């Protein structure tokens, strides 16, 4: 278990700041904590998650939200 924790430390240097930024953005966008946690489990593309946060906060139509998230996650790969 200690070896696994030690091996994951370099990854946490990038994951922790992104999680902090995303959490602050979701809180600022008015997204409830439960929905923010669920979005983190469902959406695996970081750019899509931040785009969705902004669009949800602006009360954008669902079609715009889906198209933006789909296009940002396919362009990133």
Protein backbone atom coordinates (compact mmCIF):
# COMPACT_ATOMS: atom_id res chain seq x y z
CA UNK A 1 0.00 0.00 0.00
CA UNK A 2 2.84 2.38 0.81
CA UNK A 3 4.50 1.63 -2.51
CA UNK A 4 1.29 2.51 -4.35
CA UNK A 5 0.92 5.75 -2.42
CA UNK A 6 4.53 6.64 -3.12
CA UNK A 7 4.15 5.83 -6.82
CA UNK A 8 1.07 8.06 -7.16
CA UNK A 9 2.71 11.16 -5.65
CA UNK A 10 4.01 12.58 -8.97
CA UNK A 11 0.53 12.34 -10.49
CA UNK A 12 -0.99 14.19 -7.54
CA UNK A 13 1.19 17.20 -8.33
CA UNK A 14 -0.96 17.80 -11.41
CA UNK A 15 -4.28 16.34 -10.29
CA UNK A 16 -4.59 18.22 -7.00
CA UNK A 17 -4.31 21.77 -8.45
CA UNK A 18 -6.74 20.92 -11.26
CA UNK A 19 -9.24 19.53 -8.76
CA UNK A 20 -8.91 22.64 -6.65
CA UNK A 21 -9.43 24.94 -9.64
CA UNK A 22 -12.40 22.92 -10.87
CA UNK A 23 -13.99 22.87 -7.42
CA UNK A 24 -13.65 26.62 -7.06
CA UNK A 25 -15.09 27.15 -10.55
CA UNK A 26 -18.06 24.91 -9.78
CA UNK A 27 -18.74 26.64 -6.47
CA UNK A 28 -18.51 30.04 -8.17
CA UNK A 29 -20.88 28.80 -10.89
CA UNK A 30 -23.49 27.86 -8.31
CA UNK A 31 -23.27 24.11 -8.85
CA UNK A 32 -24.28 22.20 -5.69
CA UNK A 33 -21.57 19.99 -4.13
CA UNK A 34 -23.33 16.70 -4.91
CA UNK A 35 -23.68 17.60 -8.58
CA UNK A 36 -20.05 18.71 -8.70
CA UNK A 37 -18.92 15.37 -7.29
CA UNK A 38 -21.13 13.46 -9.73
CA UNK A 39 -19.77 15.49 -12.64
CA UNK A 40 -16.24 14.58 -11.58
CA UNK A 41 -17.15 10.88 -11.74
CA UNK A 42 -19.03 11.12 -15.05
CA UNK A 43 -16.97 13.58 -17.11
CA UNK A 44 -13.42 12.39 -17.76
CA UNK A 45 -12.21 15.32 -19.90
CA UNK A 46 -11.01 18.26 -17.84
CA UNK A 47 -11.65 20.85 -20.55
CA UNK A 48 -15.21 19.60 -20.95
CA UNK A 49 -15.76 19.76 -17.22
CA UNK A 50 -14.66 23.40 -17.03
CA UNK A 51 -16.69 24.31 -20.13
CA UNK A 52 -19.78 22.61 -18.68
CA UNK A 53 -19.30 24.52 -15.43
CA UNK A 54 -19.32 27.85 -17.24
CA UNK A 55 -22.29 26.92 -19.42
CA UNK A 56 -24.34 25.59 -16.50
CA UNK A 57 -23.64 28.78 -14.57
CA UNK A 58 -24.84 30.84 -17.54
CA UNK A 59 -28.02 28.72 -17.91
CA UNK A 60 -27.10 27.72 -21.47
CA UNK A 61 -29.43 25.36 -23.38
CA UNK A 62 -28.69 21.65 -22.96
CA UNK A 63 -27.93 21.25 -26.68
CA UNK A 64 -25.20 23.89 -26.46
CA UNK A 65 -23.79 22.22 -23.36
CA UNK A 66 -23.66 18.78 -24.98
CA UNK A 67 -22.20 20.02 -28.27
CA UNK A 68 -19.53 22.06 -26.51
CA UNK A 69 -18.50 19.23 -24.19
CA UNK A 70 -18.46 16.69 -27.00
CA UNK A 71 -16.42 18.88 -29.31
CA UNK A 72 -13.92 19.92 -26.63
CA UNK A 73 -13.28 16.34 -25.55
CA UNK A 74 -12.87 15.03 -29.11
CA UNK A 75 -10.55 17.87 -30.12
CA UNK A 76 -8.31 17.32 -27.11
CA UNK A 77 -7.54 13.71 -28.00
